[in-house]
């Protein structure tokens, strides 16, 4: 996130899209984290735009949450972060 402690609009959007698709798929942060093989705290940090999700995490979330290409499309935005 650079020198600023405030997340970018793009990073907040990615976190919100992950949250929306997680909830729509019927997962809590804990169950999603378990399926994605990450910690629950990382899941929350990504959704709150405190951490930049890896490309691999986005692609795994795309598949697990059946996001219809939405999270895959975020890869380019995350690469810019």
PDB file of N, CA and C in Angstrom:
ATOM      1  N   UNK A   1       0.822  -1.191   0.000  1.00  0.00           N
ATOM      2  CA  UNK A   1       0.000   0.000   0.000  1.00  0.00           C
ATOM      3  C   UNK A   1       0.864   1.252   0.000  1.00  0.00           C
ATOM      4  N   UNK A   2       2.151   1.118  -0.206  1.00  0.00           N
ATOM      5  CA  UNK A   2       3.011   2.288  -0.282  1.00  0.00           C
ATOM      6  C   UNK A   2       3.237   2.917   1.069  1.00  0.00           C
ATOM      7  N   UNK A   3       3.474   4.224   1.069  1.00  0.00           N
ATOM      8  CA  UNK A   3       3.757   4.931   2.312  1.00  0.00           C
ATOM      9  C   UNK A   3       2.492   5.373   3.017  1.00  0.00           C
ATOM     10  N   UNK A   4       1.381   5.388   2.333  1.00  0.00           N
ATOM     11  CA  UNK A   4       0.120   5.819   2.933  1.00  0.00           C
ATOM     12  C   UNK A   4      -0.500   4.664   3.714  1.00  0.00           C
ATOM     13  N   UNK A   5      -1.100   4.978   4.852  1.00  0.00           N
ATOM     14  CA  UNK A   5      -1.771   3.940   5.626  1.00  0.00           C
ATOM     15  C   UNK A   5      -3.213   3.738   5.144  1.00  0.00           C
ATOM     16  N   UNK A   6      -3.674   4.612   4.283  1.00  0.00           N
ATOM     17  CA  UNK A   6      -5.043   4.532   3.751  1.00  0.00           C
ATOM     18  C   UNK A   6      -5.043   3.658   2.489  1.00  0.00           C
ATOM     19  N   UNK A   7      -5.878   2.586   2.462  1.00  0.00           N
ATOM     20  CA  UNK A   7      -5.921   1.738   1.261  1.00  0.00           C
ATOM     21  C   UNK A   7      -6.487   2.498   0.064  1.00  0.00           C
ATOM     22  N   UNK A   8      -6.069   2.097  -1.120  1.00  0.00           N
ATOM     23  CA  UNK A   8      -6.563   2.721  -2.336  1.00  0.00           C
ATOM     24  C   UNK A   8      -8.018   2.317  -2.575  1.00  0.00           C
ATOM     25  N   UNK A   9      -8.684   3.080  -3.423  1.00  0.00           N
ATOM     26  CA  UNK A   9     -10.070   2.748  -3.789  1.00  0.00           C
ATOM     27  C   UNK A   9     -10.123   1.378  -4.448  1.00  0.00           C
ATOM     28  N   UNK A  10      -9.127   1.089  -5.291  1.00  0.00           N
ATOM     29  CA  UNK A  10      -9.086  -0.202  -5.981  1.00  0.00           C
ATOM     30  C   UNK A  10      -8.962  -1.361  -5.019  1.00  0.00           C
ATOM     31  N   UNK A  11      -8.110  -1.208  -4.024  1.00  0.00           N
ATOM     32  CA  UNK A  11      -7.917  -2.275  -3.043  1.00  0.00           C
ATOM     33  C   UNK A  11      -9.172  -2.469  -2.189  1.00  0.00           C
ATOM     34  N   UNK A  12      -9.833  -1.375  -1.855  1.00  0.00           N
ATOM     35  CA  UNK A  12     -11.092  -1.491  -1.102  1.00  0.00           C
ATOM     36  C   UNK A  12     -12.154  -2.201  -1.947  1.00  0.00           C
ATOM     37  N   UNK A  13     -12.194  -1.888  -3.243  1.00  0.00           N
ATOM     38  CA  UNK A  13     -13.146  -2.532  -4.145  1.00  0.00           C
ATOM     39  C   UNK A  13     -12.887  -4.036  -4.220  1.00  0.00           C
ATOM     40  N   UNK A  14     -11.629  -4.432  -4.347  1.00  0.00           N
ATOM     41  CA  UNK A  14     -11.295  -5.854  -4.419  1.00  0.00           C
ATOM     42  C   UNK A  14     -11.738  -6.555  -3.135  1.00  0.00           C
ATOM     43  N   UNK A  15     -11.443  -5.961  -1.989  1.00  0.00           N
ATOM     44  CA  UNK A  15     -11.848  -6.552  -0.715  1.00  0.00           C
ATOM     45  C   UNK A  15     -13.354  -6.700  -0.603  1.00  0.00           C
ATOM     46  N   UNK A  16     -14.062  -5.694  -1.040  1.00  0.00           N
ATOM     47  CA  UNK A  16     -15.527  -5.739  -0.989  1.00  0.00           C
ATOM     48  C   UNK A  16     -16.083  -6.792  -1.943  1.00  0.00           C
ATOM     49  N   UNK A  17     -15.496  -6.932  -3.120  1.00  0.00           N
ATOM     50  CA  UNK A  17     -15.947  -7.954  -4.071  1.00  0.00           C
ATOM     51  C   UNK A  17     -15.699  -9.352  -3.524  1.00  0.00           C
ATOM     52  N   UNK A  18     -14.566  -9.540  -2.873  1.00  0.00           N
ATOM     53  CA  UNK A  18     -14.290 -10.839  -2.257  1.00  0.00           C
ATOM     54  C   UNK A  18     -15.337 -11.127  -1.187  1.00  0.00           C
ATOM     55  N   UNK A  19     -15.628 -10.140  -0.342  1.00  0.00           N
ATOM     56  CA  UNK A  19     -16.619 -10.323   0.727  1.00  0.00           C
ATOM     57  C   UNK A  19     -17.988 -10.657   0.140  1.00  0.00           C
ATOM     58  N   UNK A  20     -18.412  -9.902  -0.855  1.00  0.00           N
ATOM     59  CA  UNK A  20     -19.725 -10.122  -1.475  1.00  0.00           C
ATOM     60  C   UNK A  20     -19.840 -11.545  -2.025  1.00  0.00           C
ATOM     61  N   UNK A  21     -18.814 -11.986  -2.745  1.00  0.00           N
ATOM     62  CA  UNK A  21     -18.867 -13.324  -3.346  1.00  0.00           C
ATOM     63  C   UNK A  21     -18.730 -14.414  -2.287  1.00  0.00           C
ATOM     64  N   UNK A  22     -17.974 -14.170  -1.235  1.00  0.00           N
ATOM     65  CA  UNK A  22     -17.860 -15.134  -0.133  1.00  0.00           C
ATOM     66  C   UNK A  22     -19.222 -15.336   0.517  1.00  0.00           C
ATOM     67  N   UNK A  23     -19.879 -14.235   0.848  1.00  0.00           N
ATOM     68  CA  UNK A  23     -21.188 -14.308   1.501  1.00  0.00           C
ATOM     69  C   UNK A  23     -22.209 -14.959   0.570  1.00  0.00           C
ATOM     70  N   UNK A  24     -22.203 -14.565  -0.682  1.00  0.00           N
ATOM     71  CA  UNK A  24     -23.141 -15.138  -1.654  1.00  0.00           C
ATOM     72  C   UNK A  24     -22.953 -16.650  -1.789  1.00  0.00           C
ATOM     73  N   UNK A  25     -21.696 -17.100  -1.640  1.00  0.00           N
ATOM     74  CA  UNK A  25     -21.400 -18.537  -1.731  1.00  0.00           C
ATOM     75  C   UNK A  25     -21.708 -19.273  -0.423  1.00  0.00           C
ATOM     76  N   UNK A  26     -22.124 -18.528   0.608  1.00  0.00           N
ATOM     77  CA  UNK A  26     -22.530 -19.150   1.854  1.00  0.00           C
ATOM     78  C   UNK A  26     -21.404 -19.436   2.831  1.00  0.00           C
ATOM     79  N   UNK A  27     -20.277 -18.743   2.668  1.00  0.00           N
ATOM     80  CA  UNK A  27     -19.125 -18.962   3.547  1.00  0.00           C
ATOM     81  C   UNK A  27     -18.994 -17.866   4.590  1.00  0.00           C
ATOM     82  N   UNK A  28     -18.574 -18.258   5.778  1.00  0.00           N
ATOM     83  CA  UNK A  28     -18.105 -17.291   6.768  1.00  0.00           C
ATOM     84  C   UNK A  28     -16.639 -17.023   6.438  1.00  0.00           C
ATOM     85  N   UNK A  29     -16.041 -16.038   7.096  1.00  0.00           N
ATOM     86  CA  UNK A  29     -14.604 -15.823   6.886  1.00  0.00           C
ATOM     87  C   UNK A  29     -13.825 -17.076   7.267  1.00  0.00           C
ATOM     88  N   UNK A  30     -14.242 -17.740   8.336  1.00  0.00           N
ATOM     89  CA  UNK A  30     -13.528 -18.945   8.799  1.00  0.00           C
ATOM     90  C   UNK A  30     -13.638 -20.075   7.787  1.00  0.00           C
ATOM     91  N   UNK A  31     -14.856 -20.373   7.300  1.00  0.00           N
ATOM     92  CA  UNK A  31     -14.988 -21.485   6.354  1.00  0.00           C
ATOM     93  C   UNK A  31     -14.289 -21.173   5.035  1.00  0.00           C
ATOM     94  N   UNK A  32     -14.357 -19.923   4.602  1.00  0.00           N
ATOM     95  CA  UNK A  32     -13.657 -19.535   3.373  1.00  0.00           C
ATOM     96  C   UNK A  32     -12.152 -19.681   3.552  1.00  0.00           C
ATOM     97  N   UNK A  33     -11.644 -19.229   4.681  1.00  0.00           N
ATOM     98  CA  UNK A  33     -10.207 -19.333   4.953  1.00  0.00           C
ATOM     99  C   UNK A  33      -9.769 -20.790   4.964  1.00  0.00           C
ATOM    100  N   UNK A  34     -10.571 -21.653   5.571  1.00  0.00           N
ATOM    101  CA  UNK A  34     -10.238 -23.080   5.625  1.00  0.00           C
ATOM    102  C   UNK A  34     -10.158 -23.674   4.223  1.00  0.00           C
ATOM    103  N   UNK A  35     -11.133 -23.356   3.384  1.00  0.00           N
ATOM    104  CA  UNK A  35     -11.154 -23.887   2.016  1.00  0.00           C
ATOM    105  C   UNK A  35     -10.001 -23.315   1.187  1.00  0.00           C
ATOM    106  N   UNK A  36      -9.686 -22.041   1.409  1.00  0.00           N
ATOM    107  CA  UNK A  36      -8.627 -21.374   0.639  1.00  0.00           C
ATOM    108  C   UNK A  36      -7.231 -21.613   1.212  1.00  0.00           C
ATOM    109  N   UNK A  37      -7.170 -22.335   2.331  1.00  0.00           N
ATOM    110  CA  UNK A  37      -5.893 -22.664   2.988  1.00  0.00           C
ATOM    111  C   UNK A  37      -5.117 -21.424   3.415  1.00  0.00           C
ATOM    112  N   UNK A  38      -5.851 -20.466   3.973  1.00  0.00           N
ATOM    113  CA  UNK A  38      -5.233 -19.266   4.538  1.00  0.00           C
ATOM    114  C   UNK A  38      -5.788 -19.087   5.951  1.00  0.00           C
ATOM    115  N   UNK A  39      -5.224 -18.150   6.697  1.00  0.00           N
ATOM    116  CA  UNK A  39      -5.732 -17.900   8.045  1.00  0.00           C
ATOM    117  C   UNK A  39      -6.993 -17.034   7.975  1.00  0.00           C
ATOM    118  N   UNK A  40      -7.812 -17.187   8.994  1.00  0.00           N
ATOM    119  CA  UNK A  40      -9.014 -16.362   9.080  1.00  0.00           C
ATOM    120  C   UNK A  40      -8.632 -14.887   9.195  1.00  0.00           C
ATOM    121  N   UNK A  41      -7.542 -14.594   9.889  1.00  0.00           N
ATOM    122  CA  UNK A  41      -7.116 -13.196  10.027  1.00  0.00           C
ATOM    123  C   UNK A  41      -6.688 -12.611   8.682  1.00  0.00           C
ATOM    124  N   UNK A  42      -6.046 -13.413   7.825  1.00  0.00           N
ATOM    125  CA  UNK A  42      -5.685 -12.930   6.492  1.00  0.00           C
ATOM    126  C   UNK A  42      -6.942 -12.682   5.662  1.00  0.00           C
ATOM    127  N   UNK A  43      -7.915 -13.579   5.772  1.00  0.00           N
ATOM    128  CA  UNK A  43      -9.172 -13.395   5.039  1.00  0.00           C
ATOM    129  C   UNK A  43      -9.806 -12.055   5.410  1.00  0.00           C
ATOM    130  N   UNK A  44      -9.870 -11.779   6.696  1.00  0.00           N
ATOM    131  CA  UNK A  44     -10.446 -10.514   7.152  1.00  0.00           C
ATOM    132  C   UNK A  44      -9.631  -9.319   6.703  1.00  0.00           C
ATOM    133  N   UNK A  45      -8.307  -9.435   6.767  1.00  0.00           N
ATOM    134  CA  UNK A  45      -7.443  -8.321   6.374  1.00  0.00           C
ATOM    135  C   UNK A  45      -7.584  -8.004   4.885  1.00  0.00           C
ATOM    136  N   UNK A  46      -7.742  -9.027   4.063  1.00  0.00           N
ATOM    137  CA  UNK A  46      -7.939  -8.819   2.622  1.00  0.00           C
ATOM    138  C   UNK A  46      -9.270  -8.120   2.378  1.00  0.00           C
ATOM    139  N   UNK A  47     -10.313  -8.579   3.058  1.00  0.00           N
ATOM    140  CA  UNK A  47     -11.638  -7.969   2.872  1.00  0.00           C
ATOM    141  C   UNK A  47     -11.673  -6.526   3.369  1.00  0.00           C
ATOM    142  N   UNK A  48     -10.894  -6.204   4.379  1.00  0.00           N
ATOM    143  CA  UNK A  48     -10.839  -4.828   4.910  1.00  0.00           C
ATOM    144  C   UNK A  48      -9.810  -3.973   4.176  1.00  0.00           C
ATOM    145  N   UNK A  49      -9.189  -4.522   3.144  1.00  0.00           N
ATOM    146  CA  UNK A  49      -8.183  -3.826   2.328  1.00  0.00           C
ATOM    147  C   UNK A  49      -6.942  -3.468   3.134  1.00  0.00           C
ATOM    148  N   UNK A  50      -6.646  -4.271   4.142  1.00  0.00           N
ATOM    149  CA  UNK A  50      -5.434  -4.075   4.921  1.00  0.00           C
ATOM    150  C   UNK A  50      -4.269  -4.862   4.340  1.00  0.00           C
ATOM    151  N   UNK A  51      -4.580  -5.879   3.533  1.00  0.00           N
ATOM    152  CA  UNK A  51      -3.570  -6.697   2.869  1.00  0.00           C
ATOM    153  C   UNK A  51      -3.952  -6.841   1.405  1.00  0.00           C
ATOM    154  N   UNK A  52      -2.958  -6.863   0.548  1.00  0.00           N
ATOM    155  CA  UNK A  52      -3.176  -7.051  -0.886  1.00  0.00           C
ATOM    156  C   UNK A  52      -3.242  -8.556  -1.152  1.00  0.00           C
ATOM    157  N   UNK A  53      -4.335  -9.042  -1.728  1.00  0.00           N
ATOM    158  CA  UNK A  53      -4.419 -10.482  -2.000  1.00  0.00           C
ATOM    159  C   UNK A  53      -3.478 -10.874  -3.128  1.00  0.00           C
ATOM    160  N   UNK A  54      -2.904 -12.056  -3.021  1.00  0.00           N
ATOM    161  CA  UNK A  54      -2.050 -12.555  -4.099  1.00  0.00           C
ATOM    162  C   UNK A  54      -2.927 -12.941  -5.288  1.00  0.00           C
ATOM    163  N   UNK A  55      -2.297 -13.034  -6.424  1.00  0.00           N
ATOM    164  CA  UNK A  55      -2.980 -13.485  -7.635  1.00  0.00           C
ATOM    165  C   UNK A  55      -3.552 -14.892  -7.408  1.00  0.00           C
ATOM    166  N   UNK A  56      -2.755 -15.743  -6.749  1.00  0.00           N
ATOM    167  CA  UNK A  56      -3.208 -17.114  -6.470  1.00  0.00           C
ATOM    168  C   UNK A  56      -4.453 -17.115  -5.580  1.00  0.00           C
ATOM    169  N   UNK A  57      -4.455 -16.257  -4.568  1.00  0.00           N
ATOM    170  CA  UNK A  57      -5.621 -16.178  -3.685  1.00  0.00           C
ATOM    171  C   UNK A  57      -6.856 -15.725  -4.464  1.00  0.00           C
ATOM    172  N   UNK A  58      -6.696 -14.741  -5.319  1.00  0.00           N
ATOM    173  CA  UNK A  58      -7.827 -14.277  -6.129  1.00  0.00           C
ATOM    174  C   UNK A  58      -8.364 -15.385  -7.034  1.00  0.00           C
ATOM    175  N   UNK A  59      -7.458 -16.122  -7.663  1.00  0.00           N
ATOM    176  CA  UNK A  59      -7.897 -17.187  -8.569  1.00  0.00           C
ATOM    177  C   UNK A  59      -8.558 -18.333  -7.800  1.00  0.00           C
ATOM    178  N   UNK A  60      -8.032 -18.653  -6.615  1.00  0.00           N
ATOM    179  CA  UNK A  60      -8.657 -19.687  -5.788  1.00  0.00           C
ATOM    180  C   UNK A  60     -10.041 -19.229  -5.318  1.00  0.00           C
ATOM    181  N   UNK A  61     -10.144 -17.975  -4.890  1.00  0.00           N
ATOM    182  CA  UNK A  61     -11.428 -17.432  -4.450  1.00  0.00           C
ATOM    183  C   UNK A  61     -12.419 -17.393  -5.618  1.00  0.00           C
ATOM    184  N   UNK A  62     -11.940 -17.064  -6.794  1.00  0.00           N
ATOM    185  CA  UNK A  62     -12.778 -17.065  -8.004  1.00  0.00           C
ATOM    186  C   UNK A  62     -13.432 -18.428  -8.180  1.00  0.00           C
ATOM    187  N   UNK A  63     -12.630 -19.479  -8.034  1.00  0.00           N
ATOM    188  CA  UNK A  63     -13.116 -20.850  -8.224  1.00  0.00           C
ATOM    189  C   UNK A  63     -14.036 -21.277  -7.079  1.00  0.00           C
ATOM    190  N   UNK A  64     -13.619 -21.060  -5.843  1.00  0.00           N
ATOM    191  CA  UNK A  64     -14.379 -21.510  -4.672  1.00  0.00           C
ATOM    192  C   UNK A  64     -15.712 -20.776  -4.543  1.00  0.00           C
ATOM    193  N   UNK A  65     -15.708 -19.471  -4.800  1.00  0.00           N
ATOM    194  CA  UNK A  65     -16.920 -18.673  -4.640  1.00  0.00           C
ATOM    195  C   UNK A  65     -17.766 -18.607  -5.905  1.00  0.00           C
ATOM    196  N   UNK A  66     -17.305 -19.245  -6.990  1.00  0.00           N
ATOM    197  CA  UNK A  66     -17.986 -19.230  -8.291  1.00  0.00           C
ATOM    198  C   UNK A  66     -18.361 -17.788  -8.639  1.00  0.00           C
ATOM    199  N   UNK A  67     -17.321 -16.964  -8.799  1.00  0.00           N
ATOM    200  CA  UNK A  67     -17.508 -15.525  -8.973  1.00  0.00           C
ATOM    201  C   UNK A  67     -17.708 -15.099 -10.429  1.00  0.00           C
ATOM    202  N   UNK A  68     -17.806 -16.045 -11.336  1.00  0.00           N
ATOM    203  CA  UNK A  68     -18.110 -15.748 -12.747  1.00  0.00           C
ATOM    204  C   UNK A  68     -17.164 -14.740 -13.388  1.00  0.00           C
ATOM    205  N   UNK A  69     -15.876 -14.820 -13.047  1.00  0.00           N
ATOM    206  CA  UNK A  69     -14.873 -13.966 -13.670  1.00  0.00           C
ATOM    207  C   UNK A  69     -14.599 -12.654 -12.961  1.00  0.00           C
ATOM    208  N   UNK A  70     -15.417 -12.317 -11.963  1.00  0.00           N
ATOM    209  CA  UNK A  70     -15.269 -11.028 -11.280  1.00  0.00           C
ATOM    210  C   UNK A  70     -13.934 -10.935 -10.548  1.00  0.00           C
ATOM    211  N   UNK A  71     -13.612 -11.953  -9.753  1.00  0.00           N
ATOM    212  CA  UNK A  71     -12.371 -11.899  -8.985  1.00  0.00           C
ATOM    213  C   UNK A  71     -11.156 -12.110  -9.874  1.00  0.00           C
ATOM    214  N   UNK A  72     -11.304 -12.903 -10.921  1.00  0.00           N
ATOM    215  CA  UNK A  72     -10.214 -13.066 -11.883  1.00  0.00           C
ATOM    216  C   UNK A  72      -9.880 -11.720 -12.528  1.00  0.00           C
ATOM    217  N   UNK A  73     -10.899 -10.924 -12.806  1.00  0.00           N
ATOM    218  CA  UNK A  73     -10.690  -9.601 -13.402  1.00  0.00           C
ATOM    219  C   UNK A  73      -9.945  -8.657 -12.476  1.00  0.00           C
ATOM    220  N   UNK A  74      -9.970  -8.936 -11.174  1.00  0.00           N
ATOM    221  CA  UNK A  74      -9.280  -8.095 -10.204  1.00  0.00           C
ATOM    222  C   UNK A  74      -7.766  -8.322 -10.204  1.00  0.00           C
ATOM    223  N   UNK A  75      -7.298  -9.390 -10.834  1.00  0.00           N
ATOM    224  CA  UNK A  75      -5.859  -9.703 -10.834  1.00  0.00           C
ATOM    225  C   UNK A  75      -5.033  -8.529 -11.376  1.00  0.00           C
ATOM    226  N   UNK A  76      -5.464  -7.944 -12.460  1.00  0.00           N
ATOM    227  CA  UNK A  76      -4.728  -6.844 -13.068  1.00  0.00           C
ATOM    228  C   UNK A  76      -4.674  -5.640 -12.118  1.00  0.00           C
ATOM    229  N   UNK A  77      -5.771  -5.359 -11.473  1.00  0.00           N
ATOM    230  CA  UNK A  77      -5.830  -4.245 -10.514  1.00  0.00           C
ATOM    231  C   UNK A  77      -4.884  -4.498  -9.342  1.00  0.00           C
ATOM    232  N   UNK A  78      -4.876  -5.721  -8.838  1.00  0.00           N
ATOM    233  CA  UNK A  78      -4.006  -6.067  -7.712  1.00  0.00           C
ATOM    234  C   UNK A  78      -2.540  -6.003  -8.139  1.00  0.00           C
ATOM    235  N   UNK A  79      -2.238  -6.418  -9.368  1.00  0.00           N
ATOM    236  CA  UNK A  79      -0.861  -6.337  -9.866  1.00  0.00           C
ATOM    237  C   UNK A  79      -0.344  -4.904  -9.830  1.00  0.00           C
ATOM    238  N   UNK A  80      -1.220  -3.941 -10.058  1.00  0.00           N
ATOM    239  CA  UNK A  80      -0.834  -2.528 -10.036  1.00  0.00           C
ATOM    240  C   UNK A  80      -0.534  -2.032  -8.627  1.00  0.00           C
ATOM    241  N   UNK A  81      -1.116  -2.684  -7.618  1.00  0.00           N
ATOM    242  CA  UNK A  81      -0.897  -2.276  -6.235  1.00  0.00           C
ATOM    243  C   UNK A  81       0.513  -2.622  -5.836  1.00  0.00           C
TER     244      UNK A  81
END
